[in-house]
Amino acid sequence: MDKNFKEEKFTGLIKFTPPLYRQRYQFVKDLVGKYKPKKVADLGCADCTLLCMLKFCSCIEVLAGVDICGSVMKEKMHRLSPLPVDYLQPRERSLTVTLHHGSVAHKDPCMLGFDLVTCIELALETARCYGYSVEFTGVGNPPRGMENVGFCTQIGVFVKKYPETCASAQSEKPTEAVYKTVFKAVYPSLKDEKYLQNAVVREVIFTAQIIKRSLLSRLMSEHGEYNDDPTEKKSKFQPSMKCFSEDLGKLVVEKSMESFVSGNVVYIPLATVFSFPRVNRLCGTFEKLRKLVAGQVTLSSDGSAVMLSTEHEDS
């Protein structure tokens, strides 16, 4: 017997595992993974469960749902709102989620230009005459010996054979808005410089702290932690003061210079921080990094090194 259903002995009831609705949603998610659409619409979105799954797909930038039952959408639409973690870790691409109250039988200009349209709970006639190729498949395999009945949920995947011309698209474009927008959420993303700057500053400070701890640990290992008197604990930063002159902190820190300690300050070249993959990927260029951290992170007088205090390190 197939693994995605089991048959009850006494009632003849067939149960699918996972449930069919989850298999349908996963089928759509797999299509998104295959075609990487930027704009996706769900016609008949009901309680927004599919939209809640698709909002995690990084390729999607516009997500829209339409349903004739506004009360069902309004009851669950809060699940599509950004969470605190979305502000702490913004998406790389923008994402706008919109819900519309209306019938899919009516045309509305807000539904133009989508790369992928799903109609999970709707029955549609074959669209070959509109320039689409179609593949019929499904989820929910029938019991053994009953293969002729086909899938429990039958699916038609329609793919546009050729791109629309401007003339044909314009001739079919609806001009009057008939849907009512009941929900709209714009997710924070790294496309917005405000969120990008916050992400870069956090990453620069985090990276600099790692470099600082590694440097201090190495210095401690090289120079020892205690004086000749074993009962007297020596400041772990004293060796660095012997090795480096106090006036080094006043010198221009060259990009090629290694991190160093002067007094109670650790100097970490910004170029070193930029070499870390996460920082590099966020900024793209060294010049952009300097622009984003200016005024947000304590830098040396020439702006070429991050300055961190050693005073709050554990003794």
C-alpha atoms as a PDB file:
ATOM      1  CA  MET A   1       0.000   0.000   0.000  1.00  0.00           C
ATOM      2  CA  ASP A   2       1.286   3.463  -0.861  1.00  0.00           C
ATOM      3  CA  LYS A   3       2.910   5.375   1.961  1.00  0.00           C
ATOM      4  CA  ASN A   4       0.783   8.520   1.592  1.00  0.00           C
ATOM      5  CA  PHE A   5      -2.481   6.923   2.701  1.00  0.00           C
ATOM      6  CA  LYS A   6      -3.832   4.147   4.873  1.00  0.00           C
ATOM      7  CA  GLU A   7      -7.172   2.338   4.651  1.00  0.00           C
ATOM      8  CA  GLU A   8      -9.253   1.676   7.744  1.00  0.00           C
ATOM      9  CA  LYS A   9     -10.340  -1.957   7.889  1.00  0.00           C
ATOM     10  CA  PHE A  10     -13.872  -1.462   9.075  1.00  0.00           C
ATOM     11  CA  THR A  11     -15.057   1.802   7.584  1.00  0.00           C
ATOM     12  CA  GLY A  12     -13.249   1.702   4.266  1.00  0.00           C
ATOM     13  CA  LEU A  13     -12.067   5.256   4.999  1.00  0.00           C
ATOM     14  CA  ILE A  14      -8.834   6.230   3.294  1.00  0.00           C
ATOM     15  CA  LYS A  15      -6.559   8.618   5.181  1.00  0.00           C
ATOM     16  CA  PHE A  16      -3.708  10.381   3.432  1.00  0.00           C
ATOM     17  CA  THR A  17      -0.443  11.145   5.199  1.00  0.00           C
ATOM     18  CA  PRO A  18       0.376  13.964   5.085  1.00  0.00           C
ATOM     19  CA  PRO A  19      -3.196  15.259   4.627  1.00  0.00           C
ATOM     20  CA  LEU A  20      -4.160  16.105   1.054  1.00  0.00           C
ATOM     21  CA  TYR A  21      -4.357  19.838   1.677  1.00  0.00           C
ATOM     22  CA  ARG A  22      -0.732  19.798   2.830  1.00  0.00           C
ATOM     23  CA  GLN A  23       0.271  17.812  -0.213  1.00  0.00           C
ATOM     24  CA  ARG A  24      -1.452  20.398  -2.421  1.00  0.00           C
ATOM     25  CA  TYR A  25       0.346  23.247  -0.685  1.00  0.00           C
ATOM     26  CA  GLN A  26       3.668  21.439  -0.966  1.00  0.00           C
ATOM     27  CA  PHE A  27       3.044  20.894  -4.683  1.00  0.00           C
ATOM     28  CA  VAL A  28       2.684  24.652  -5.143  1.00  0.00           C
ATOM     29  CA  LYS A  29       5.756  25.332  -3.019  1.00  0.00           C
ATOM     30  CA  ASP A  30       7.741  22.930  -5.199  1.00  0.00           C
ATOM     31  CA  LEU A  31       6.571  24.833  -8.303  1.00  0.00           C
ATOM     32  CA  VAL A  32       7.812  28.058  -6.741  1.00  0.00           C
ATOM     33  CA  GLY A  33      11.163  26.402  -6.088  1.00  0.00           C
ATOM     34  CA  LYS A  34      11.300  25.251  -9.710  1.00  0.00           C
ATOM     35  CA  TYR A  35      10.266  28.443 -11.537  1.00  0.00           C
ATOM     36  CA  LYS A  36      11.458  31.068  -8.985  1.00  0.00           C
ATOM     37  CA  PRO A  37       8.559  33.516  -9.600  1.00  0.00           C
ATOM     38  CA  LYS A  38       8.801  37.026  -8.171  1.00  0.00           C
ATOM     39  CA  LYS A  39       5.061  37.723  -8.163  1.00  0.00           C
ATOM     40  CA  VAL A  40       2.610  35.068  -6.939  1.00  0.00           C
ATOM     41  CA  ALA A  41      -1.167  35.263  -6.509  1.00  0.00           C
ATOM     42  CA  ASP A  42      -3.473  32.758  -4.823  1.00  0.00           C
ATOM     43  CA  LEU A  43      -7.053  32.853  -6.097  1.00  0.00           C
ATOM     44  CA  GLY A  44      -9.440  31.597  -3.443  1.00  0.00           C
ATOM     45  CA  CYS A  45      -6.880  32.069  -0.656  1.00  0.00           C
ATOM     46  CA  ALA A  46      -9.438  31.436   2.133  1.00  0.00           C
ATOM     47  CA  ASP A  47      -7.594  31.390   5.490  1.00  0.00           C
ATOM     48  CA  CYS A  48      -4.254  32.367   3.889  1.00  0.00           C
ATOM     49  CA  THR A  49      -2.488  29.121   4.833  1.00  0.00           C
ATOM     50  CA  LEU A  50      -0.756  28.787   1.463  1.00  0.00           C
ATOM     51  CA  LEU A  51       0.287  32.448   1.499  1.00  0.00           C
ATOM     52  CA  CYS A  52       1.783  31.957   4.966  1.00  0.00           C
ATOM     53  CA  MET A  53       3.930  29.155   3.544  1.00  0.00           C
ATOM     54  CA  LEU A  54       4.975  31.074   0.456  1.00  0.00           C
ATOM     55  CA  LYS A  55       6.071  34.210   2.302  1.00  0.00           C
ATOM     56  CA  PHE A  56       9.205  32.319   3.343  1.00  0.00           C
ATOM     57  CA  CYS A  57      10.242  31.731  -0.278  1.00  0.00           C
ATOM     58  CA  SER A  58      13.124  34.139  -0.846  1.00  0.00           C
ATOM     59  CA  CYS A  59      12.443  34.555  -4.575  1.00  0.00           C
ATOM     60  CA  ILE A  60       8.969  36.065  -4.038  1.00  0.00           C
ATOM     61  CA  GLU A  61       8.702  39.859  -3.882  1.00  0.00           C
ATOM     62  CA  VAL A  62       4.942  40.286  -4.354  1.00  0.00           C
ATOM     63  CA  LEU A  63       2.374  37.975  -2.785  1.00  0.00           C
ATOM     64  CA  ALA A  64      -1.374  38.504  -3.279  1.00  0.00           C
ATOM     65  CA  GLY A  65      -4.502  36.655  -2.248  1.00  0.00           C
ATOM     66  CA  VAL A  66      -8.101  36.980  -3.445  1.00  0.00           C
ATOM     67  CA  ASP A  67     -11.197  35.480  -1.868  1.00  0.00           C
ATOM     68  CA  ILE A  68     -14.894  36.168  -2.018  1.00  0.00           C
ATOM     69  CA  CYS A  69     -15.264  35.509   1.710  1.00  0.00           C
ATOM     70  CA  GLY A  70     -13.781  38.547   3.398  1.00  0.00           C
ATOM     71  CA  SER A  71     -14.550  37.367   6.948  1.00  0.00           C
ATOM     72  CA  VAL A  72     -12.385  34.247   6.578  1.00  0.00           C
ATOM     73  CA  MET A  73      -9.434  36.292   5.304  1.00  0.00           C
ATOM     74  CA  LYS A  74      -9.781  38.924   8.027  1.00  0.00           C
ATOM     75  CA  GLU A  75      -9.819  36.266  10.735  1.00  0.00           C
ATOM     76  CA  LYS A  76      -6.434  34.858   9.720  1.00  0.00           C
ATOM     77  CA  MET A  77      -4.704  37.679   7.865  1.00  0.00           C
ATOM     78  CA  HIS A  78      -2.681  38.722  10.930  1.00  0.00           C
ATOM     79  CA  ARG A  79      -0.476  35.688  10.236  1.00  0.00           C
ATOM     80  CA  LEU A  80       0.872  37.517   7.201  1.00  0.00           C
ATOM     81  CA  SER A  81       2.157  40.475   9.220  1.00  0.00           C
ATOM     82  CA  PRO A  82       5.930  40.836   9.783  1.00  0.00           C
ATOM     83  CA  LEU A  83       7.235  39.380  13.032  1.00  0.00           C
ATOM     84  CA  PRO A  84       9.917  40.971  15.269  1.00  0.00           C
ATOM     85  CA  VAL A  85      12.483  38.572  13.790  1.00  0.00           C
ATOM     86  CA  ASP A  86      11.748  39.993  10.333  1.00  0.00           C
ATOM     87  CA  TYR A  87      13.061  43.355  11.556  1.00  0.00           C
ATOM     88  CA  LEU A  88      16.094  41.821  13.263  1.00  0.00           C
ATOM     89  CA  GLN A  89      16.952  39.737  10.199  1.00  0.00           C
ATOM     90  CA  PRO A  90      15.484  41.527   7.163  1.00  0.00           C
ATOM     91  CA  ARG A  91      14.991  39.700   3.886  1.00  0.00           C
ATOM     92  CA  GLU A  92      17.473  40.324   1.104  1.00  0.00           C
ATOM     93  CA  ARG A  93      14.598  41.087  -1.303  1.00  0.00           C
ATOM     94  CA  SER A  94      11.556  43.225  -0.668  1.00  0.00           C
ATOM     95  CA  LEU A  95       8.210  41.527   0.023  1.00  0.00           C
ATOM     96  CA  THR A  96       4.748  43.062  -0.179  1.00  0.00           C
ATOM     97  CA  VAL A  97       1.730  40.975   0.821  1.00  0.00           C
ATOM     98  CA  THR A  98      -1.756  42.118  -0.178  1.00  0.00           C
ATOM     99  CA  LEU A  99      -5.200  40.584   0.322  1.00  0.00           C
ATOM    100  CA  HIS A 100      -8.189  41.511  -1.839  1.00  0.00           C
ATOM    101  CA  HIS A 101     -11.871  40.875  -1.221  1.00  0.00           C
ATOM    102  CA  GLY A 102     -13.643  39.940  -4.443  1.00  0.00           C
ATOM    103  CA  SER A 103     -14.642  37.240  -6.884  1.00  0.00           C
ATOM    104  CA  VAL A 104     -12.099  35.631  -9.204  1.00  0.00           C
ATOM    105  CA  ALA A 105     -14.820  35.764 -11.872  1.00  0.00           C
ATOM    106  CA  HIS A 106     -14.255  39.538 -12.076  1.00  0.00           C
ATOM    107  CA  LYS A 107     -11.214  41.174 -13.635  1.00  0.00           C
ATOM    108  CA  ASP A 108      -9.188  43.723 -11.704  1.00  0.00           C
ATOM    109  CA  PRO A 109      -5.990  45.532 -12.816  1.00  0.00           C
ATOM    110  CA  CYS A 110      -4.316  44.689  -9.500  1.00  0.00           C
ATOM    111  CA  MET A 111      -4.016  41.090 -10.637  1.00  0.00           C
ATOM    112  CA  LEU A 112      -1.992  41.816 -13.773  1.00  0.00           C
ATOM    113  CA  GLY A 113       1.629  40.845 -14.242  1.00  0.00           C
ATOM    114  CA  PHE A 114       1.906  37.845 -11.930  1.00  0.00           C
ATOM    115  CA  ASP A 115       4.447  35.118 -12.707  1.00  0.00           C
ATOM    116  CA  LEU A 116       2.544  32.359 -10.931  1.00  0.00           C
ATOM    117  CA  VAL A 117      -1.174  32.102 -10.140  1.00  0.00           C
ATOM    118  CA  THR A 118      -2.540  29.294  -7.974  1.00  0.00           C
ATOM    119  CA  CYS A 119      -6.170  28.161  -7.791  1.00  0.00           C
ATOM    120  CA  ILE A 120      -6.050  25.255  -5.369  1.00  0.00           C
ATOM    121  CA  GLU A 121      -9.703  25.135  -4.450  1.00  0.00           C
ATOM    122  CA  LEU A 122     -11.134  26.347  -7.753  1.00  0.00           C
ATOM    123  CA  ALA A 123     -12.155  24.378 -10.828  1.00  0.00           C
ATOM    124  CA  LEU A 124     -10.921  25.897 -14.112  1.00  0.00           C
ATOM    125  CA  GLU A 125     -11.506  24.854 -17.706  1.00  0.00           C
ATOM    126  CA  THR A 126      -8.534  23.915 -19.908  1.00  0.00           C
ATOM    127  CA  ALA A 127      -6.644  26.974 -21.177  1.00  0.00           C
ATOM    128  CA  ARG A 128      -4.861  25.658 -24.251  1.00  0.00           C
ATOM    129  CA  CYS A 129      -6.807  28.077 -26.450  1.00  0.00           C
ATOM    130  CA  TYR A 130      -5.251  30.989 -24.533  1.00  0.00           C
ATOM    131  CA  GLY A 131      -1.675  30.094 -25.433  1.00  0.00           C
ATOM    132  CA  TYR A 132      -0.768  27.823 -22.536  1.00  0.00           C
ATOM    133  CA  SER A 133       0.679  24.340 -22.474  1.00  0.00           C
ATOM    134  CA  VAL A 134      -0.884  22.131 -19.824  1.00  0.00           C
ATOM    135  CA  GLU A 135       0.334  19.201 -17.761  1.00  0.00           C
ATOM    136  CA  PHE A 136      -2.133  17.170 -15.716  1.00  0.00           C
ATOM    137  CA  THR A 137      -0.910  15.568 -12.534  1.00  0.00           C
ATOM    138  CA  GLY A 138      -2.054  15.379  -8.919  1.00  0.00           C
ATOM    139  CA  VAL A 139      -1.519  14.332  -5.327  1.00  0.00           C
ATOM    140  CA  GLY A 140      -3.140  11.567  -3.304  1.00  0.00           C
ATOM    141  CA  ASN A 141      -2.444   8.270  -5.067  1.00  0.00           C
ATOM    142  CA  PRO A 142      -5.378   5.815  -5.254  1.00  0.00           C
ATOM    143  CA  PRO A 143      -5.332   2.445  -3.426  1.00  0.00           C
ATOM    144  CA  ARG A 144      -3.582  -0.461  -5.089  1.00  0.00           C
ATOM    145  CA  GLY A 145      -5.788  -2.026  -7.717  1.00  0.00           C
ATOM    146  CA  MET A 146      -7.772   1.200  -8.204  1.00  0.00           C
ATOM    147  CA  GLU A 147      -5.240   3.130 -10.246  1.00  0.00           C
ATOM    148  CA  ASN A 148      -7.846   3.834 -12.914  1.00  0.00           C
ATOM    149  CA  VAL A 149      -9.618   6.343 -10.672  1.00  0.00           C
ATOM    150  CA  GLY A 150      -6.609   8.665 -10.771  1.00  0.00           C
ATOM    151  CA  PHE A 151      -5.340  11.085  -8.142  1.00  0.00           C
ATOM    152  CA  CYS A 152      -7.600  12.162  -5.307  1.00  0.00           C
ATOM    153  CA  THR A 153      -6.609  15.763  -6.050  1.00  0.00           C
ATOM    154  CA  GLN A 154      -6.142  16.406  -9.758  1.00  0.00           C
ATOM    155  CA  ILE A 155      -3.831  19.244 -10.748  1.00  0.00           C
ATOM    156  CA  GLY A 156      -3.376  21.098 -13.985  1.00  0.00           C
ATOM    157  CA  VAL A 157      -0.136  23.079 -14.440  1.00  0.00           C
ATOM    158  CA  PHE A 158      -0.476  25.748 -17.150  1.00  0.00           C
ATOM    159  CA  VAL A 159       2.673  27.319 -18.571  1.00  0.00           C
ATOM    160  CA  LYS A 160       2.619  30.262 -20.991  1.00  0.00           C
ATOM    161  CA  LYS A 161       3.958  29.135 -24.365  1.00  0.00           C
ATOM    162  CA  TYR A 162       5.196  32.569 -25.379  1.00  0.00           C
ATOM    163  CA  PRO A 163       5.404  36.035 -23.795  1.00  0.00           C
ATOM    164  CA  GLU A 164       2.533  38.413 -24.296  1.00  0.00           C
ATOM    165  CA  THR A 165       2.987  41.246 -26.737  1.00  0.00           C
ATOM    166  CA  CYS A 166       2.355  44.750 -25.499  1.00  0.00           C
ATOM    167  CA  ALA A 167      -0.648  45.062 -27.825  1.00  0.00           C
ATOM    168  CA  SER A 168      -2.368  41.888 -26.623  1.00  0.00           C
ATOM    169  CA  ALA A 169      -1.722  42.696 -22.989  1.00  0.00           C
ATOM    170  CA  GLN A 170      -3.089  46.200 -23.403  1.00  0.00           C
ATOM    171  CA  SER A 171      -6.247  44.977 -25.162  1.00  0.00           C
ATOM    172  CA  GLU A 172      -7.100  42.633 -22.275  1.00  0.00           C
ATOM    173  CA  LYS A 173      -6.169  45.023 -19.478  1.00  0.00           C
ATOM    174  CA  PRO A 174      -9.108  45.769 -17.164  1.00  0.00           C
ATOM    175  CA  THR A 175      -9.423  49.448 -16.377  1.00  0.00           C
ATOM    176  CA  GLU A 176     -11.829  49.453 -13.439  1.00  0.00           C
ATOM    177  CA  ALA A 177     -10.845  48.263  -9.962  1.00  0.00           C
ATOM    178  CA  VAL A 178     -13.471  45.945  -8.518  1.00  0.00           C
ATOM    179  CA  TYR A 179     -11.583  44.354  -5.621  1.00  0.00           C
ATOM    180  CA  LYS A 180     -11.409  45.839  -2.141  1.00  0.00           C
ATOM    181  CA  THR A 181      -7.989  45.718  -0.486  1.00  0.00           C
ATOM    182  CA  VAL A 182      -8.415  44.434   3.076  1.00  0.00           C
ATOM    183  CA  PHE A 183      -4.782  43.903   4.069  1.00  0.00           C
ATOM    184  CA  LYS A 184      -1.331  45.056   3.042  1.00  0.00           C
ATOM    185  CA  ALA A 185       2.041  44.417   4.667  1.00  0.00           C
ATOM    186  CA  VAL A 186       5.468  45.540   3.504  1.00  0.00           C
ATOM    187  CA  TYR A 187       8.262  43.446   4.981  1.00  0.00           C
ATOM    188  CA  PRO A 188      11.582  45.029   5.984  1.00  0.00           C
ATOM    189  CA  SER A 189      14.322  44.165   3.527  1.00  0.00           C
ATOM    190  CA  LEU A 190      17.942  44.951   2.833  1.00  0.00           C
ATOM    191  CA  LYS A 191      16.779  46.905  -0.215  1.00  0.00           C
ATOM    192  CA  ASP A 192      15.814  49.633   2.252  1.00  0.00           C
ATOM    193  CA  GLU A 193      19.026  51.400   3.307  1.00  0.00           C
ATOM    194  CA  LYS A 194      17.711  51.923   6.834  1.00  0.00           C
ATOM    195  CA  TYR A 195      17.437  48.185   7.434  1.00  0.00           C
ATOM    196  CA  LEU A 196      20.635  47.510   5.499  1.00  0.00           C
ATOM    197  CA  GLN A 197      22.534  49.959   7.707  1.00  0.00           C
ATOM    198  CA  ASN A 198      21.181  48.337  10.880  1.00  0.00           C
ATOM    199  CA  ALA A 199      22.192  44.897   9.616  1.00  0.00           C
ATOM    200  CA  VAL A 200      25.669  46.067   8.604  1.00  0.00           C
ATOM    201  CA  VAL A 201      26.311  47.829  11.918  1.00  0.00           C
ATOM    202  CA  ARG A 202      25.267  44.742  13.895  1.00  0.00           C
ATOM    203  CA  GLU A 203      27.459  42.511  11.759  1.00  0.00           C
ATOM    204  CA  VAL A 204      30.472  44.855  11.959  1.00  0.00           C
ATOM    205  CA  ILE A 205      30.254  45.046  15.755  1.00  0.00           C
ATOM    206  CA  PHE A 206      29.781  41.283  16.039  1.00  0.00           C
ATOM    207  CA  THR A 207      32.733  40.589  13.731  1.00  0.00           C
ATOM    208  CA  ALA A 208      34.951  43.138  15.474  1.00  0.00           C
ATOM    209  CA  GLN A 209      34.168  41.574  18.848  1.00  0.00           C
ATOM    210  CA  ILE A 210      35.243  38.166  17.540  1.00  0.00           C
ATOM    211  CA  ILE A 211      38.516  39.615  16.241  1.00  0.00           C
ATOM    212  CA  LYS A 212      39.104  41.456  19.512  1.00  0.00           C
ATOM    213  CA  ARG A 213      38.608  38.356  21.666  1.00  0.00           C
ATOM    214  CA  SER A 214      40.878  36.322  19.422  1.00  0.00           C
ATOM    215  CA  LEU A 215      43.601  38.989  19.608  1.00  0.00           C
ATOM    216  CA  LEU A 216      43.421  39.355  23.388  1.00  0.00           C
ATOM    217  CA  SER A 217      43.418  35.593  23.826  1.00  0.00           C
ATOM    218  CA  ARG A 218      46.558  35.314  21.688  1.00  0.00           C
ATOM    219  CA  LEU A 219      48.311  38.093  23.597  1.00  0.00           C
ATOM    220  CA  MET A 220      47.431  36.432  26.894  1.00  0.00           C
ATOM    221  CA  SER A 221      48.851  33.152  25.633  1.00  0.00           C
ATOM    222  CA  GLU A 222      52.078  34.780  24.439  1.00  0.00           C
ATOM    223  CA  HIS A 223      52.832  36.948  27.465  1.00  0.00           C
ATOM    224  CA  GLY A 224      51.295  35.084  30.388  1.00  0.00           C
ATOM    225  CA  GLU A 225      48.648  36.247  32.797  1.00  0.00           C
ATOM    226  CA  TYR A 226      50.515  36.519  36.085  1.00  0.00           C
ATOM    227  CA  ASN A 227      53.485  38.422  37.531  1.00  0.00           C
ATOM    228  CA  ASP A 228      56.385  36.771  39.355  1.00  0.00           C
ATOM    229  CA  ASP A 229      54.260  36.952  42.484  1.00  0.00           C
ATOM    230  CA  PRO A 230      51.664  34.190  41.852  1.00  0.00           C
ATOM    231  CA  THR A 231      49.309  35.691  44.432  1.00  0.00           C
ATOM    232  CA  GLU A 232      49.012  38.946  42.505  1.00  0.00           C
ATOM    233  CA  LYS A 233      46.887  38.744  39.385  1.00  0.00           C
ATOM    234  CA  LYS A 234      48.204  40.823  36.560  1.00  0.00           C
ATOM    235  CA  SER A 235      46.006  42.821  34.216  1.00  0.00           C
ATOM    236  CA  LYS A 236      45.592  40.745  31.082  1.00  0.00           C
ATOM    237  CA  PHE A 237      46.132  43.834  28.975  1.00  0.00           C
ATOM    238  CA  GLN A 238      49.510  44.786  30.479  1.00  0.00           C
ATOM    239  CA  PRO A 239      51.575  42.756  27.935  1.00  0.00           C
ATOM    240  CA  SER A 240      50.014  44.652  25.071  1.00  0.00           C
ATOM    241  CA  MET A 241      51.101  47.931  26.640  1.00  0.00           C
ATOM    242  CA  LYS A 242      54.698  46.702  26.681  1.00  0.00           C
ATOM    243  CA  CYS A 243      54.545  45.512  23.098  1.00  0.00           C
ATOM    244  CA  PHE A 244      52.835  48.556  21.588  1.00  0.00           C
ATOM    245  CA  SER A 245      53.566  52.205  22.143  1.00  0.00           C
ATOM    246  CA  GLU A 246      50.751  54.392  23.453  1.00  0.00           C
ATOM    247  CA  ASP A 247      51.073  56.786  20.533  1.00  0.00           C
ATOM    248  CA  LEU A 248      50.236  54.035  17.997  1.00  0.00           C
ATOM    249  CA  GLY A 249      46.591  54.871  18.464  1.00  0.00           C
ATOM    250  CA  LYS A 250      47.263  58.336  17.095  1.00  0.00           C
ATOM    251  CA  LEU A 251      48.850  57.074  13.892  1.00  0.00           C
ATOM    252  CA  VAL A 252      47.011  56.506  10.657  1.00  0.00           C
ATOM    253  CA  VAL A 253      46.028  52.841  10.584  1.00  0.00           C
ATOM    254  CA  GLU A 254      46.908  51.419   7.193  1.00  0.00           C
ATOM    255  CA  LYS A 255      44.432  48.986   5.639  1.00  0.00           C
ATOM    256  CA  SER A 256      47.066  46.279   5.603  1.00  0.00           C
ATOM    257  CA  MET A 257      47.948  46.689   9.284  1.00  0.00           C
ATOM    258  CA  GLU A 258      46.908  43.938  11.667  1.00  0.00           C
ATOM    259  CA  SER A 259      44.669  44.540  14.661  1.00  0.00           C
ATOM    260  CA  PHE A 260      46.496  45.793  17.748  1.00  0.00           C
ATOM    261  CA  VAL A 261      45.962  46.980  21.306  1.00  0.00           C
ATOM    262  CA  SER A 262      46.949  50.424  22.558  1.00  0.00           C
ATOM    263  CA  GLY A 263      46.154  51.206  26.167  1.00  0.00           C
ATOM    264  CA  ASN A 264      42.569  50.188  26.761  1.00  0.00           C
ATOM    265  CA  VAL A 265      41.584  50.241  23.098  1.00  0.00           C
ATOM    266  CA  VAL A 266      41.671  47.541  20.440  1.00  0.00           C
ATOM    267  CA  TYR A 267      42.085  48.814  16.868  1.00  0.00           C
ATOM    268  CA  ILE A 268      40.646  46.554  14.173  1.00  0.00           C
ATOM    269  CA  PRO A 269      41.170  47.660  10.557  1.00  0.00           C
ATOM    270  CA  LEU A 270      37.884  48.122   8.754  1.00  0.00           C
ATOM    271  CA  ALA A 271      39.412  46.322   5.774  1.00  0.00           C
ATOM    272  CA  THR A 272      39.833  43.229   7.963  1.00  0.00           C
ATOM    273  CA  VAL A 273      36.185  43.373   8.998  1.00  0.00           C
ATOM    274  CA  PHE A 274      35.177  43.797   5.343  1.00  0.00           C
ATOM    275  CA  SER A 275      37.045  40.606   4.438  1.00  0.00           C
ATOM    276  CA  PHE A 276      34.551  38.534   6.437  1.00  0.00           C
ATOM    277  CA  PRO A 277      32.024  36.938   4.018  1.00  0.00           C
ATOM    278  CA  ARG A 278      28.845  38.129   5.724  1.00  0.00           C
ATOM    279  CA  VAL A 279      29.987  41.764   5.899  1.00  0.00           C
ATOM    280  CA  ASN A 280      31.322  41.612   2.350  1.00  0.00           C
ATOM    281  CA  ARG A 281      28.054  40.199   1.029  1.00  0.00           C
ATOM    282  CA  LEU A 282      25.948  42.825   2.805  1.00  0.00           C
ATOM    283  CA  CYS A 283      27.995  45.813   1.595  1.00  0.00           C
ATOM    284  CA  GLY A 284      29.397  44.786  -1.745  1.00  0.00           C
ATOM    285  CA  THR A 285      32.106  47.460  -1.704  1.00  0.00           C
ATOM    286  CA  PHE A 286      34.482  48.809   0.926  1.00  0.00           C
ATOM    287  CA  GLU A 287      33.337  52.355   0.188  1.00  0.00           C
ATOM    288  CA  LYS A 288      29.734  51.419   0.963  1.00  0.00           C
ATOM    289  CA  LEU A 289      30.810  49.808   4.218  1.00  0.00           C
ATOM    290  CA  ARG A 290      32.538  53.020   5.321  1.00  0.00           C
ATOM    291  CA  LYS A 291      29.446  55.027   4.408  1.00  0.00           C
ATOM    292  CA  LEU A 292      27.066  52.761   6.323  1.00  0.00           C
ATOM    293  CA  VAL A 293      29.084  52.596   9.548  1.00  0.00           C
ATOM    294  CA  ALA A 294      30.038  56.279   9.631  1.00  0.00           C
ATOM    295  CA  GLY A 295      28.578  57.799  12.802  1.00  0.00           C
ATOM    296  CA  GLN A 296      27.207  54.400  13.890  1.00  0.00           C
ATOM    297  CA  VAL A 297      30.422  52.672  14.999  1.00  0.00           C
ATOM    298  CA  THR A 298      33.377  54.176  16.880  1.00  0.00           C
ATOM    299  CA  LEU A 299      36.180  54.557  14.351  1.00  0.00           C
ATOM    300  CA  SER A 300      39.754  55.849  14.458  1.00  0.00           C
ATOM    301  CA  SER A 301      40.364  59.471  13.512  1.00  0.00           C
ATOM    302  CA  ASP A 302      40.940  58.583   9.867  1.00  0.00           C
ATOM    303  CA  GLY A 303      37.970  56.218   9.778  1.00  0.00           C
ATOM    304  CA  SER A 304      40.029  53.190   8.814  1.00  0.00           C
ATOM    305  CA  ALA A 305      39.741  51.109  12.006  1.00  0.00           C
ATOM    306  CA  VAL A 306      37.034  50.062  14.453  1.00  0.00           C
ATOM    307  CA  MET A 307      37.848  50.970  18.054  1.00  0.00           C
ATOM    308  CA  LEU A 308      36.697  48.730  20.904  1.00  0.00           C
ATOM    309  CA  SER A 309      37.386  49.150  24.608  1.00  0.00           C
ATOM    310  CA  THR A 310      39.049  46.371  26.593  1.00  0.00           C
ATOM    311  CA  GLU A 311      37.701  47.573  29.951  1.00  0.00           C
ATOM    312  CA  HIS A 312      34.593  45.424  29.934  1.00  0.00           C
ATOM    313  CA  GLU A 313      36.436  42.156  29.335  1.00  0.00           C
ATOM    314  CA  ASP A 314      36.239  39.589  32.133  1.00  0.00           C
ATOM    315  CA  SER A 315      39.205  39.676  34.441  1.00  0.00           C
END
